[in-house]
């Protein structure tokens, strides 16, 4: 299989709320979602979903209240990401609180030491105390600097994590078509499928389809489902062997490639933002692989490493399913 050198994509973007146009006006739709708090995800049949209301306008020209509602929904998703961040790193807030407390204590001590040092330098009778006071002042300033650095590092890591979780929430609300009657969000596959999003020209998608054939059975056993997204607007050509001898294999091939992105503009905007942030040209073919829990496992340019998926990912059925869900490798 020909391969293009893979390069990591740092997919950290702010939320981008999809908009859907209706015939009688414009509409902002906030799609259902489920929290991904460090626990096995429920299947669509047994999960409890929360959804926000659909807000419609009678005219094509949106009022200023549209932007206000849009900001509100973005803040809602941001709060969800913050909750997930707190659950994933429960002691971070405690550490940051103590860092601030130590900074305040050291700052107060430095202020007192500064006034004492000024008094000692202006009073000859207390000049002998100046070196000891200066030593204490230096310790206070060092402590404040140290804990300020630790707080800055912790806060930076927190913001990066929230940005990543927000991006994953945004991805989880993009729509996929299962068949003619069912359209579901990406989040519906959490817990039982590993999605591999492949974006590129139709010719690239067609070549991916052919290259994946030797690995079909291994990929299906590991719950891999491919999301082909043709960025040039053309439809890729998928040819299946309909002979009786290949019936079972063809069924697996169709299952592997059964998903189709819905609302192409939303997928295009999301992918363009990720490529821009990662410094990748907009016409470069890329892939993004997800874990069972919906988190991004890995990404890169060019062809997905089908052989690595088969070698590294545990099957979704059997005694090792569930136990190894968090060890999905780096591909």
C-alpha atoms as a PDB file:
ATOM      1  CA  UNK A   1       0.000   0.000   0.000  1.00  0.00           C
ATOM      2  CA  UNK A   2       1.407   3.326  -1.015  1.00  0.00           C
ATOM      3  CA  UNK A   3       1.766   5.616   1.937  1.00  0.00           C
ATOM      4  CA  UNK A   4       2.257   9.296   2.469  1.00  0.00           C
ATOM      5  CA  UNK A   5       4.391  10.411   5.405  1.00  0.00           C
ATOM      6  CA  UNK A   6       2.088  11.005   8.340  1.00  0.00           C
ATOM      7  CA  UNK A   7       2.374  14.161  10.391  1.00  0.00           C
ATOM      8  CA  UNK A   8       0.445  14.833  13.592  1.00  0.00           C
ATOM      9  CA  UNK A   9      -2.428  17.289  13.524  1.00  0.00           C
ATOM     10  CA  UNK A  10      -2.959  19.349  16.667  1.00  0.00           C
ATOM     11  CA  UNK A  11      -6.710  19.593  16.501  1.00  0.00           C
ATOM     12  CA  UNK A  12      -7.572  22.176  19.123  1.00  0.00           C
ATOM     13  CA  UNK A  13     -10.220  24.635  18.028  1.00  0.00           C
ATOM     14  CA  UNK A  14     -13.025  26.625  19.575  1.00  0.00           C
ATOM     15  CA  UNK A  15     -16.546  25.375  19.143  1.00  0.00           C
ATOM     16  CA  UNK A  16     -18.306  26.023  15.873  1.00  0.00           C
ATOM     17  CA  UNK A  17     -22.073  25.793  16.116  1.00  0.00           C
ATOM     18  CA  UNK A  18     -23.677  24.355  12.970  1.00  0.00           C
ATOM     19  CA  UNK A  19     -26.487  26.288  11.306  1.00  0.00           C
ATOM     20  CA  UNK A  20     -29.277  24.703   9.324  1.00  0.00           C
ATOM     21  CA  UNK A  21     -31.400  26.623   6.816  1.00  0.00           C
ATOM     22  CA  UNK A  22     -35.092  25.818   6.504  1.00  0.00           C
ATOM     23  CA  UNK A  23     -37.472  26.737   3.766  1.00  0.00           C
ATOM     24  CA  UNK A  24     -39.530  29.104   5.924  1.00  0.00           C
ATOM     25  CA  UNK A  25     -36.622  30.893   7.530  1.00  0.00           C
ATOM     26  CA  UNK A  26     -33.374  30.290   9.303  1.00  0.00           C
ATOM     27  CA  UNK A  27     -32.805  28.065  12.249  1.00  0.00           C
ATOM     28  CA  UNK A  28     -30.147  27.384  14.849  1.00  0.00           C
ATOM     29  CA  UNK A  29     -30.246  23.796  16.028  1.00  0.00           C
ATOM     30  CA  UNK A  30     -28.337  22.528  19.004  1.00  0.00           C
ATOM     31  CA  UNK A  31     -27.958  18.800  18.617  1.00  0.00           C
ATOM     32  CA  UNK A  32     -28.271  16.125  21.321  1.00  0.00           C
ATOM     33  CA  UNK A  33     -25.142  15.066  23.102  1.00  0.00           C
ATOM     34  CA  UNK A  34     -23.972  12.860  25.890  1.00  0.00           C
ATOM     35  CA  UNK A  35     -21.296  13.612  28.426  1.00  0.00           C
ATOM     36  CA  UNK A  36     -18.015  11.728  28.020  1.00  0.00           C
ATOM     37  CA  UNK A  37     -17.015  11.782  31.698  1.00  0.00           C
ATOM     38  CA  UNK A  38     -14.310   9.156  32.195  1.00  0.00           C
ATOM     39  CA  UNK A  39     -16.698   6.215  32.129  1.00  0.00           C
ATOM     40  CA  UNK A  40     -17.883   3.661  29.585  1.00  0.00           C
ATOM     41  CA  UNK A  41     -20.227   5.296  27.142  1.00  0.00           C
ATOM     42  CA  UNK A  42     -23.764   4.097  26.721  1.00  0.00           C
ATOM     43  CA  UNK A  43     -25.191   2.870  23.473  1.00  0.00           C
ATOM     44  CA  UNK A  44     -27.873   4.958  21.750  1.00  0.00           C
ATOM     45  CA  UNK A  45     -30.603   2.555  22.901  1.00  0.00           C
ATOM     46  CA  UNK A  46     -29.839   2.876  26.626  1.00  0.00           C
ATOM     47  CA  UNK A  47     -28.481   6.379  26.957  1.00  0.00           C
ATOM     48  CA  UNK A  48     -30.271   9.437  28.283  1.00  0.00           C
ATOM     49  CA  UNK A  49     -29.857  12.390  25.993  1.00  0.00           C
ATOM     50  CA  UNK A  50     -30.168  16.072  26.683  1.00  0.00           C
ATOM     51  CA  UNK A  51     -30.972  18.465  23.921  1.00  0.00           C
ATOM     52  CA  UNK A  52     -31.471  22.160  23.843  1.00  0.00           C
ATOM     53  CA  UNK A  53     -34.429  23.766  22.068  1.00  0.00           C
ATOM     54  CA  UNK A  54     -34.594  24.605  18.389  1.00  0.00           C
ATOM     55  CA  UNK A  55     -34.759  28.357  17.852  1.00  0.00           C
ATOM     56  CA  UNK A  56     -36.309  29.450  14.544  1.00  0.00           C
ATOM     57  CA  UNK A  57     -36.829  32.836  12.918  1.00  0.00           C
ATOM     58  CA  UNK A  58     -39.546  33.727  10.470  1.00  0.00           C
ATOM     59  CA  UNK A  59     -37.298  35.766   8.203  1.00  0.00           C
ATOM     60  CA  UNK A  60     -34.029  35.024   6.440  1.00  0.00           C
ATOM     61  CA  UNK A  61     -32.376  38.056   8.071  1.00  0.00           C
ATOM     62  CA  UNK A  62     -31.247  37.100  11.555  1.00  0.00           C
ATOM     63  CA  UNK A  63     -31.628  39.524  14.423  1.00  0.00           C
ATOM     64  CA  UNK A  64     -28.989  40.389  17.005  1.00  0.00           C
ATOM     65  CA  UNK A  65     -30.632  37.964  19.434  1.00  0.00           C
ATOM     66  CA  UNK A  66     -29.390  35.136  17.184  1.00  0.00           C
ATOM     67  CA  UNK A  67     -25.785  35.902  18.068  1.00  0.00           C
ATOM     68  CA  UNK A  68     -26.689  36.111  21.755  1.00  0.00           C
ATOM     69  CA  UNK A  69     -28.296  32.671  21.687  1.00  0.00           C
ATOM     70  CA  UNK A  70     -25.371  31.291  19.704  1.00  0.00           C
ATOM     71  CA  UNK A  71     -22.922  32.581  22.294  1.00  0.00           C
ATOM     72  CA  UNK A  72     -25.075  31.072  25.042  1.00  0.00           C
ATOM     73  CA  UNK A  73     -24.990  27.623  23.408  1.00  0.00           C
ATOM     74  CA  UNK A  74     -21.210  27.885  22.909  1.00  0.00           C
ATOM     75  CA  UNK A  75     -20.835  28.707  26.592  1.00  0.00           C
ATOM     76  CA  UNK A  76     -23.045  25.712  27.373  1.00  0.00           C
ATOM     77  CA  UNK A  77     -20.715  23.375  25.491  1.00  0.00           C
ATOM     78  CA  UNK A  78     -17.724  25.086  27.097  1.00  0.00           C
ATOM     79  CA  UNK A  79     -19.176  24.385  30.534  1.00  0.00           C
ATOM     80  CA  UNK A  80     -19.585  20.740  29.533  1.00  0.00           C
ATOM     81  CA  UNK A  81     -15.913  20.608  28.578  1.00  0.00           C
ATOM     82  CA  UNK A  82     -14.984  22.211  31.890  1.00  0.00           C
ATOM     83  CA  UNK A  83     -16.952  19.588  33.805  1.00  0.00           C
ATOM     84  CA  UNK A  84     -15.229  16.812  31.876  1.00  0.00           C
ATOM     85  CA  UNK A  85     -11.873  18.453  32.571  1.00  0.00           C
ATOM     86  CA  UNK A  86     -12.621  18.520  36.299  1.00  0.00           C
ATOM     87  CA  UNK A  87     -13.531  14.838  36.251  1.00  0.00           C
ATOM     88  CA  UNK A  88     -10.439  13.826  34.264  1.00  0.00           C
ATOM     89  CA  UNK A  89      -8.110  15.824  36.546  1.00  0.00           C
ATOM     90  CA  UNK A  90      -9.967  16.098  39.883  1.00  0.00           C
ATOM     91  CA  UNK A  91      -7.007  17.405  41.908  1.00  0.00           C
ATOM     92  CA  UNK A  92      -6.019  20.187  39.530  1.00  0.00           C
ATOM     93  CA  UNK A  93      -8.375  22.717  41.145  1.00  0.00           C
ATOM     94  CA  UNK A  94      -7.031  21.803  44.585  1.00  0.00           C
ATOM     95  CA  UNK A  95      -3.459  22.340  43.428  1.00  0.00           C
ATOM     96  CA  UNK A  96      -4.315  25.656  41.814  1.00  0.00           C
ATOM     97  CA  UNK A  97      -6.072  26.803  45.002  1.00  0.00           C
ATOM     98  CA  UNK A  98      -3.010  26.061  47.125  1.00  0.00           C
ATOM     99  CA  UNK A  99      -0.742  27.731  44.575  1.00  0.00           C
ATOM    100  CA  UNK A 100      -2.827  30.906  44.846  1.00  0.00           C
ATOM    101  CA  UNK A 101      -2.830  30.642  48.636  1.00  0.00           C
ATOM    102  CA  UNK A 102       0.969  30.321  48.711  1.00  0.00           C
ATOM    103  CA  UNK A 103       1.316  33.234  46.282  1.00  0.00           C
ATOM    104  CA  UNK A 104      -0.878  35.399  48.517  1.00  0.00           C
ATOM    105  CA  UNK A 105       1.011  34.333  51.638  1.00  0.00           C
ATOM    106  CA  UNK A 106       4.390  34.952  50.030  1.00  0.00           C
ATOM    107  CA  UNK A 107       3.245  38.284  48.635  1.00  0.00           C
ATOM    108  CA  UNK A 108       2.012  39.424  52.043  1.00  0.00           C
ATOM    109  CA  UNK A 109       5.287  38.299  53.633  1.00  0.00           C
ATOM    110  CA  UNK A 110       7.274  40.132  50.954  1.00  0.00           C
ATOM    111  CA  UNK A 111       5.251  43.303  51.566  1.00  0.00           C
ATOM    112  CA  UNK A 112       5.892  43.175  55.309  1.00  0.00           C
ATOM    113  CA  UNK A 113       9.566  42.391  54.776  1.00  0.00           C
ATOM    114  CA  UNK A 114       9.882  45.307  52.362  1.00  0.00           C
ATOM    115  CA  UNK A 115       8.507  47.779  54.908  1.00  0.00           C
ATOM    116  CA  UNK A 116      10.800  46.364  57.598  1.00  0.00           C
ATOM    117  CA  UNK A 117      13.794  46.587  55.282  1.00  0.00           C
ATOM    118  CA  UNK A 118      13.044  50.228  54.468  1.00  0.00           C
ATOM    119  CA  UNK A 119      12.704  51.000  58.176  1.00  0.00           C
ATOM    120  CA  UNK A 120      15.997  49.220  58.946  1.00  0.00           C
ATOM    121  CA  UNK A 121      17.881  51.053  56.201  1.00  0.00           C
ATOM    122  CA  UNK A 122      16.589  54.455  57.345  1.00  0.00           C
ATOM    123  CA  UNK A 123      17.218  53.758  61.049  1.00  0.00           C
ATOM    124  CA  UNK A 124      20.925  53.353  61.944  1.00  0.00           C
ATOM    125  CA  UNK A 125      20.008  51.576  65.186  1.00  0.00           C
ATOM    126  CA  UNK A 126      18.407  48.729  63.210  1.00  0.00           C
ATOM    127  CA  UNK A 127      20.993  48.534  60.441  1.00  0.00           C
ATOM    128  CA  UNK A 128      22.259  45.184  61.760  1.00  0.00           C
ATOM    129  CA  UNK A 129      18.829  43.631  61.095  1.00  0.00           C
ATOM    130  CA  UNK A 130      18.867  44.606  57.414  1.00  0.00           C
ATOM    131  CA  UNK A 131      20.740  41.488  56.112  1.00  0.00           C
ATOM    132  CA  UNK A 132      18.369  39.111  57.910  1.00  0.00           C
ATOM    133  CA  UNK A 133      15.311  41.013  56.658  1.00  0.00           C
ATOM    134  CA  UNK A 134      16.695  41.041  53.108  1.00  0.00           C
ATOM    135  CA  UNK A 135      17.243  37.291  53.316  1.00  0.00           C
ATOM    136  CA  UNK A 136      13.598  36.751  54.318  1.00  0.00           C
ATOM    137  CA  UNK A 137      12.472  39.094  51.535  1.00  0.00           C
ATOM    138  CA  UNK A 138      14.454  37.098  48.996  1.00  0.00           C
ATOM    139  CA  UNK A 139      12.864  33.850  50.213  1.00  0.00           C
ATOM    140  CA  UNK A 140       9.377  35.361  49.917  1.00  0.00           C
ATOM    141  CA  UNK A 141      10.037  36.637  46.392  1.00  0.00           C
ATOM    142  CA  UNK A 142      11.443  33.253  45.364  1.00  0.00           C
ATOM    143  CA  UNK A 143       8.409  31.449  46.781  1.00  0.00           C
ATOM    144  CA  UNK A 144       6.007  33.805  44.991  1.00  0.00           C
ATOM    145  CA  UNK A 145       7.896  33.316  41.708  1.00  0.00           C
ATOM    146  CA  UNK A 146       7.924  29.531  42.066  1.00  0.00           C
ATOM    147  CA  UNK A 147       4.241  29.153  42.841  1.00  0.00           C
ATOM    148  CA  UNK A 148       3.291  31.699  40.179  1.00  0.00           C
ATOM    149  CA  UNK A 149       5.171  29.585  37.631  1.00  0.00           C
ATOM    150  CA  UNK A 150       3.447  26.401  38.848  1.00  0.00           C
ATOM    151  CA  UNK A 151       0.050  28.096  38.692  1.00  0.00           C
ATOM    152  CA  UNK A 152       0.760  29.392  35.161  1.00  0.00           C
ATOM    153  CA  UNK A 153       1.808  25.935  33.980  1.00  0.00           C
ATOM    154  CA  UNK A 154      -1.254  24.298  35.549  1.00  0.00           C
ATOM    155  CA  UNK A 155      -3.591  26.901  34.087  1.00  0.00           C
ATOM    156  CA  UNK A 156      -2.038  26.511  30.625  1.00  0.00           C
ATOM    157  CA  UNK A 157      -2.526  22.741  30.777  1.00  0.00           C
ATOM    158  CA  UNK A 158      -6.106  23.241  31.926  1.00  0.00           C
ATOM    159  CA  UNK A 159      -6.919  25.601  29.045  1.00  0.00           C
ATOM    160  CA  UNK A 160      -5.341  23.225  26.525  1.00  0.00           C
ATOM    161  CA  UNK A 161      -7.369  20.321  27.889  1.00  0.00           C
ATOM    162  CA  UNK A 162     -10.616  22.311  27.799  1.00  0.00           C
ATOM    163  CA  UNK A 163      -9.890  23.362  24.211  1.00  0.00           C
ATOM    164  CA  UNK A 164      -9.315  19.728  23.229  1.00  0.00           C
ATOM    165  CA  UNK A 165     -12.481  18.552  24.975  1.00  0.00           C
ATOM    166  CA  UNK A 166     -14.490  21.367  23.397  1.00  0.00           C
ATOM    167  CA  UNK A 167     -13.213  20.355  19.982  1.00  0.00           C
ATOM    168  CA  UNK A 168     -14.226  16.751  20.648  1.00  0.00           C
ATOM    169  CA  UNK A 169     -17.707  17.905  21.724  1.00  0.00           C
ATOM    170  CA  UNK A 170     -17.964  19.878  18.496  1.00  0.00           C
ATOM    171  CA  UNK A 171     -16.925  16.836  16.472  1.00  0.00           C
ATOM    172  CA  UNK A 172     -19.361  14.608  18.359  1.00  0.00           C
ATOM    173  CA  UNK A 173     -22.298  16.688  17.112  1.00  0.00           C
ATOM    174  CA  UNK A 174     -21.532  16.365  13.407  1.00  0.00           C
ATOM    175  CA  UNK A 175     -24.086  14.186  11.620  1.00  0.00           C
ATOM    176  CA  UNK A 176     -23.659  10.833   9.842  1.00  0.00           C
ATOM    177  CA  UNK A 177     -26.110   8.888   7.716  1.00  0.00           C
ATOM    178  CA  UNK A 178     -26.446   5.181   8.531  1.00  0.00           C
ATOM    179  CA  UNK A 179     -29.046   4.439   5.871  1.00  0.00           C
ATOM    180  CA  UNK A 180     -31.859   6.182   4.034  1.00  0.00           C
ATOM    181  CA  UNK A 181     -33.919   6.619   7.209  1.00  0.00           C
ATOM    182  CA  UNK A 182     -31.373   7.115   9.995  1.00  0.00           C
ATOM    183  CA  UNK A 183     -29.166  10.143  10.598  1.00  0.00           C
ATOM    184  CA  UNK A 184     -27.230  10.146  13.879  1.00  0.00           C
ATOM    185  CA  UNK A 185     -24.498  12.283  15.475  1.00  0.00           C
ATOM    186  CA  UNK A 186     -20.935  11.024  15.797  1.00  0.00           C
ATOM    187  CA  UNK A 187     -21.464  10.683  19.555  1.00  0.00           C
ATOM    188  CA  UNK A 188     -23.933   7.832  18.951  1.00  0.00           C
ATOM    189  CA  UNK A 189     -21.050   5.497  18.124  1.00  0.00           C
ATOM    190  CA  UNK A 190     -19.302   5.899  21.459  1.00  0.00           C
ATOM    191  CA  UNK A 191     -18.793   2.618  23.224  1.00  0.00           C
ATOM    192  CA  UNK A 192     -19.063   0.225  20.292  1.00  0.00           C
ATOM    193  CA  UNK A 193     -17.289   1.680  17.213  1.00  0.00           C
ATOM    194  CA  UNK A 194     -13.962   3.289  16.376  1.00  0.00           C
ATOM    195  CA  UNK A 195     -14.512   5.873  13.656  1.00  0.00           C
ATOM    196  CA  UNK A 196     -11.791   6.728  11.148  1.00  0.00           C
ATOM    197  CA  UNK A 197     -12.545   9.987   9.334  1.00  0.00           C
ATOM    198  CA  UNK A 198     -10.849  10.143   5.923  1.00  0.00           C
ATOM    199  CA  UNK A 199     -10.988  13.468   4.089  1.00  0.00           C
ATOM    200  CA  UNK A 200      -9.609  14.136   0.627  1.00  0.00           C
ATOM    201  CA  UNK A 201     -10.507  14.180  -3.068  1.00  0.00           C
ATOM    202  CA  UNK A 202     -12.865  11.503  -4.381  1.00  0.00           C
ATOM    203  CA  UNK A 203      -9.962   9.739  -6.115  1.00  0.00           C
ATOM    204  CA  UNK A 204      -8.136   9.551  -2.778  1.00  0.00           C
ATOM    205  CA  UNK A 205     -11.210   8.055  -1.068  1.00  0.00           C
ATOM    206  CA  UNK A 206     -11.598   5.493  -3.869  1.00  0.00           C
ATOM    207  CA  UNK A 207      -7.965   4.443  -3.483  1.00  0.00           C
ATOM    208  CA  UNK A 208      -8.448   4.163   0.288  1.00  0.00           C
ATOM    209  CA  UNK A 209     -11.413   1.879  -0.333  1.00  0.00           C
ATOM    210  CA  UNK A 210      -9.284  -0.414  -2.478  1.00  0.00           C
ATOM    211  CA  UNK A 211      -6.298  -0.366  -0.090  1.00  0.00           C
ATOM    212  CA  UNK A 212      -8.467  -1.339   2.887  1.00  0.00           C
ATOM    213  CA  UNK A 213      -9.714  -4.564   1.264  1.00  0.00           C
ATOM    214  CA  UNK A 214      -7.003  -6.917   2.657  1.00  0.00           C
ATOM    215  CA  UNK A 215      -7.681  -5.631   6.181  1.00  0.00           C
ATOM    216  CA  UNK A 216     -11.485  -5.682   6.042  1.00  0.00           C
ATOM    217  CA  UNK A 217     -12.101  -8.590   8.411  1.00  0.00           C
ATOM    218  CA  UNK A 218      -9.558  -7.366  10.990  1.00  0.00           C
ATOM    219  CA  UNK A 219     -10.954  -3.830  10.922  1.00  0.00           C
ATOM    220  CA  UNK A 220     -14.564  -5.016  11.330  1.00  0.00           C
ATOM    221  CA  UNK A 221     -13.580  -7.250  14.261  1.00  0.00           C
ATOM    222  CA  UNK A 222     -12.052  -4.197  15.958  1.00  0.00           C
ATOM    223  CA  UNK A 223     -15.148  -2.087  15.461  1.00  0.00           C
ATOM    224  CA  UNK A 224     -13.595   0.251  12.900  1.00  0.00           C
ATOM    225  CA  UNK A 225     -16.016   2.231  10.733  1.00  0.00           C
ATOM    226  CA  UNK A 226     -14.755   4.528   7.997  1.00  0.00           C
ATOM    227  CA  UNK A 227     -16.245   7.989   7.433  1.00  0.00           C
ATOM    228  CA  UNK A 228     -15.305   8.930   3.839  1.00  0.00           C
ATOM    229  CA  UNK A 229     -15.539  12.660   3.135  1.00  0.00           C
ATOM    230  CA  UNK A 230     -14.787  13.816  -0.403  1.00  0.00           C
ATOM    231  CA  UNK A 231     -13.545  17.395  -0.187  1.00  0.00           C
ATOM    232  CA  UNK A 232     -13.806  18.112  -3.920  1.00  0.00           C
ATOM    233  CA  UNK A 233     -17.569  17.603  -4.076  1.00  0.00           C
ATOM    234  CA  UNK A 234     -17.353  14.480  -6.230  1.00  0.00           C
ATOM    235  CA  UNK A 235     -18.684  11.076  -5.221  1.00  0.00           C
ATOM    236  CA  UNK A 236     -16.092   8.313  -4.713  1.00  0.00           C
ATOM    237  CA  UNK A 237     -16.637   5.055  -6.563  1.00  0.00           C
ATOM    238  CA  UNK A 238     -17.193   1.998  -4.336  1.00  0.00           C
ATOM    239  CA  UNK A 239     -17.454  -1.308  -6.166  1.00  0.00           C
ATOM    240  CA  UNK A 240     -18.529  -4.424  -4.235  1.00  0.00           C
ATOM    241  CA  UNK A 241     -18.349  -8.044  -5.339  1.00  0.00           C
ATOM    242  CA  UNK A 242     -21.979  -9.204  -5.373  1.00  0.00           C
ATOM    243  CA  UNK A 243     -21.211 -12.834  -6.195  1.00  0.00           C
ATOM    244  CA  UNK A 244     -22.628 -15.571  -3.962  1.00  0.00           C
ATOM    245  CA  UNK A 245     -19.161 -16.768  -2.965  1.00  0.00           C
ATOM    246  CA  UNK A 246     -18.174 -13.351  -1.604  1.00  0.00           C
ATOM    247  CA  UNK A 247     -21.482 -12.578   0.099  1.00  0.00           C
ATOM    248  CA  UNK A 248     -20.130 -12.593   3.661  1.00  0.00           C
ATOM    249  CA  UNK A 249     -17.006 -10.633   2.771  1.00  0.00           C
ATOM    250  CA  UNK A 250     -19.009  -8.086   0.784  1.00  0.00           C
ATOM    251  CA  UNK A 251     -21.325  -7.650   3.767  1.00  0.00           C
ATOM    252  CA  UNK A 252     -18.324  -6.778   5.936  1.00  0.00           C
ATOM    253  CA  UNK A 253     -17.022  -4.383   3.297  1.00  0.00           C
ATOM    254  CA  UNK A 254     -20.360  -2.577   3.186  1.00  0.00           C
ATOM    255  CA  UNK A 255     -20.476  -2.411   6.957  1.00  0.00           C
ATOM    256  CA  UNK A 256     -16.974  -0.929   7.084  1.00  0.00           C
ATOM    257  CA  UNK A 257     -17.903   1.793   4.564  1.00  0.00           C
ATOM    258  CA  UNK A 258     -21.579   2.307   5.444  1.00  0.00           C
ATOM    259  CA  UNK A 259     -21.345   5.828   6.920  1.00  0.00           C
ATOM    260  CA  UNK A 260     -21.863   9.041   4.969  1.00  0.00           C
ATOM    261  CA  UNK A 261     -21.344  12.594   6.309  1.00  0.00           C
ATOM    262  CA  UNK A 262     -24.485  14.735   6.426  1.00  0.00           C
ATOM    263  CA  UNK A 263     -24.577  18.556   6.203  1.00  0.00           C
ATOM    264  CA  UNK A 264     -21.367  18.799   4.190  1.00  0.00           C
ATOM    265  CA  UNK A 265     -20.821  22.463   5.035  1.00  0.00           C
ATOM    266  CA  UNK A 266     -20.473  21.674   8.742  1.00  0.00           C
ATOM    267  CA  UNK A 267     -17.924  18.938   8.074  1.00  0.00           C
ATOM    268  CA  UNK A 268     -16.039  21.215   5.674  1.00  0.00           C
ATOM    269  CA  UNK A 269     -15.884  24.060   8.186  1.00  0.00           C
ATOM    270  CA  UNK A 270     -14.735  21.746  10.975  1.00  0.00           C
ATOM    271  CA  UNK A 271     -11.999  20.140   8.886  1.00  0.00           C
ATOM    272  CA  UNK A 272     -10.805  23.480   7.484  1.00  0.00           C
ATOM    273  CA  UNK A 273     -10.439  24.858  11.000  1.00  0.00           C
ATOM    274  CA  UNK A 274      -8.411  21.836  12.111  1.00  0.00           C
ATOM    275  CA  UNK A 275      -6.142  22.019   9.078  1.00  0.00           C
ATOM    276  CA  UNK A 276      -5.607  25.743   9.539  1.00  0.00           C
ATOM    277  CA  UNK A 277      -4.688  25.298  13.181  1.00  0.00           C
ATOM    278  CA  UNK A 278      -2.338  22.408  12.367  1.00  0.00           C
ATOM    279  CA  UNK A 279      -0.657  24.300   9.533  1.00  0.00           C
ATOM    280  CA  UNK A 280      -1.862  21.862   6.868  1.00  0.00           C
ATOM    281  CA  UNK A 281      -2.938  23.046   3.437  1.00  0.00           C
ATOM    282  CA  UNK A 282      -6.672  22.896   2.817  1.00  0.00           C
ATOM    283  CA  UNK A 283      -6.291  20.475  -0.112  1.00  0.00           C
ATOM    284  CA  UNK A 284      -4.152  17.929   1.787  1.00  0.00           C
ATOM    285  CA  UNK A 285      -5.814  14.534   2.389  1.00  0.00           C
ATOM    286  CA  UNK A 286      -5.935  13.695   6.102  1.00  0.00           C
ATOM    287  CA  UNK A 287      -7.322  11.066   8.457  1.00  0.00           C
ATOM    288  CA  UNK A 288      -8.536  11.299  12.066  1.00  0.00           C
ATOM    289  CA  UNK A 289      -9.067   8.145  14.135  1.00  0.00           C
ATOM    290  CA  UNK A 290     -11.241   8.047  17.246  1.00  0.00           C
ATOM    291  CA  UNK A 291     -11.174   5.795  20.292  1.00  0.00           C
ATOM    292  CA  UNK A 292     -14.158   3.811  21.478  1.00  0.00           C
ATOM    293  CA  UNK A 293     -14.987   6.574  23.959  1.00  0.00           C
ATOM    294  CA  UNK A 294     -15.035   9.221  21.226  1.00  0.00           C
ATOM    295  CA  UNK A 295     -11.681  10.831  22.012  1.00  0.00           C
ATOM    296  CA  UNK A 296      -9.248  11.486  19.179  1.00  0.00           C
ATOM    297  CA  UNK A 297      -6.640   8.729  19.134  1.00  0.00           C
ATOM    298  CA  UNK A 298      -4.457   9.997  16.314  1.00  0.00           C
ATOM    299  CA  UNK A 299      -4.392  11.917  13.065  1.00  0.00           C
ATOM    300  CA  UNK A 300      -2.111  12.513  10.133  1.00  0.00           C
ATOM    301  CA  UNK A 301      -1.721  13.301   6.488  1.00  0.00           C
ATOM    302  CA  UNK A 302      -2.266  10.771   3.744  1.00  0.00           C
ATOM    303  CA  UNK A 303      -3.484   7.208   4.135  1.00  0.00           C
ATOM    304  CA  UNK A 304      -4.624   5.706   7.437  1.00  0.00           C
ATOM    305  CA  UNK A 305      -2.353   2.858   8.613  1.00  0.00           C
ATOM    306  CA  UNK A 306      -4.833   0.008   8.221  1.00  0.00           C
ATOM    307  CA  UNK A 307      -2.203  -2.567   9.161  1.00  0.00           C
ATOM    308  CA  UNK A 308      -1.394  -0.692  12.384  1.00  0.00           C
ATOM    309  CA  UNK A 309      -5.080  -0.566  13.308  1.00  0.00           C
ATOM    310  CA  UNK A 310      -5.351  -4.337  12.946  1.00  0.00           C
ATOM    311  CA  UNK A 311      -2.099  -4.930  14.860  1.00  0.00           C
ATOM    312  CA  UNK A 312      -2.703  -2.540  17.770  1.00  0.00           C
ATOM    313  CA  UNK A 313      -6.441  -2.320  18.395  1.00  0.00           C
ATOM    314  CA  UNK A 314      -8.144  -4.989  20.548  1.00  0.00           C
ATOM    315  CA  UNK A 315     -11.331  -6.647  19.240  1.00  0.00           C
ATOM    316  CA  UNK A 316     -14.612  -5.131  20.380  1.00  0.00           C
ATOM    317  CA  UNK A 317     -15.889  -8.564  21.412  1.00  0.00           C
ATOM    318  CA  UNK A 318     -14.406 -11.153  23.727  1.00  0.00           C
ATOM    319  CA  UNK A 319     -12.723 -11.146  27.119  1.00  0.00           C
ATOM    320  CA  UNK A 320     -10.384  -8.263  26.239  1.00  0.00           C
ATOM    321  CA  UNK A 321     -13.091  -5.862  25.093  1.00  0.00           C
ATOM    322  CA  UNK A 322     -13.705  -3.104  27.606  1.00  0.00           C
ATOM    323  CA  UNK A 323     -10.512  -3.841  29.531  1.00  0.00           C
ATOM    324  CA  UNK A 324      -8.288  -2.524  26.740  1.00  0.00           C
ATOM    325  CA  UNK A 325     -10.589   0.240  25.481  1.00  0.00           C
ATOM    326  CA  UNK A 326      -8.235   2.938  26.762  1.00  0.00           C
ATOM    327  CA  UNK A 327      -5.175   1.338  25.140  1.00  0.00           C
ATOM    328  CA  UNK A 328      -6.011   2.069  21.526  1.00  0.00           C
ATOM    329  CA  UNK A 329      -2.446   2.926  20.522  1.00  0.00           C
ATOM    330  CA  UNK A 330      -1.360   6.068  18.731  1.00  0.00           C
ATOM    331  CA  UNK A 331      -2.626   5.415  15.208  1.00  0.00           C
END
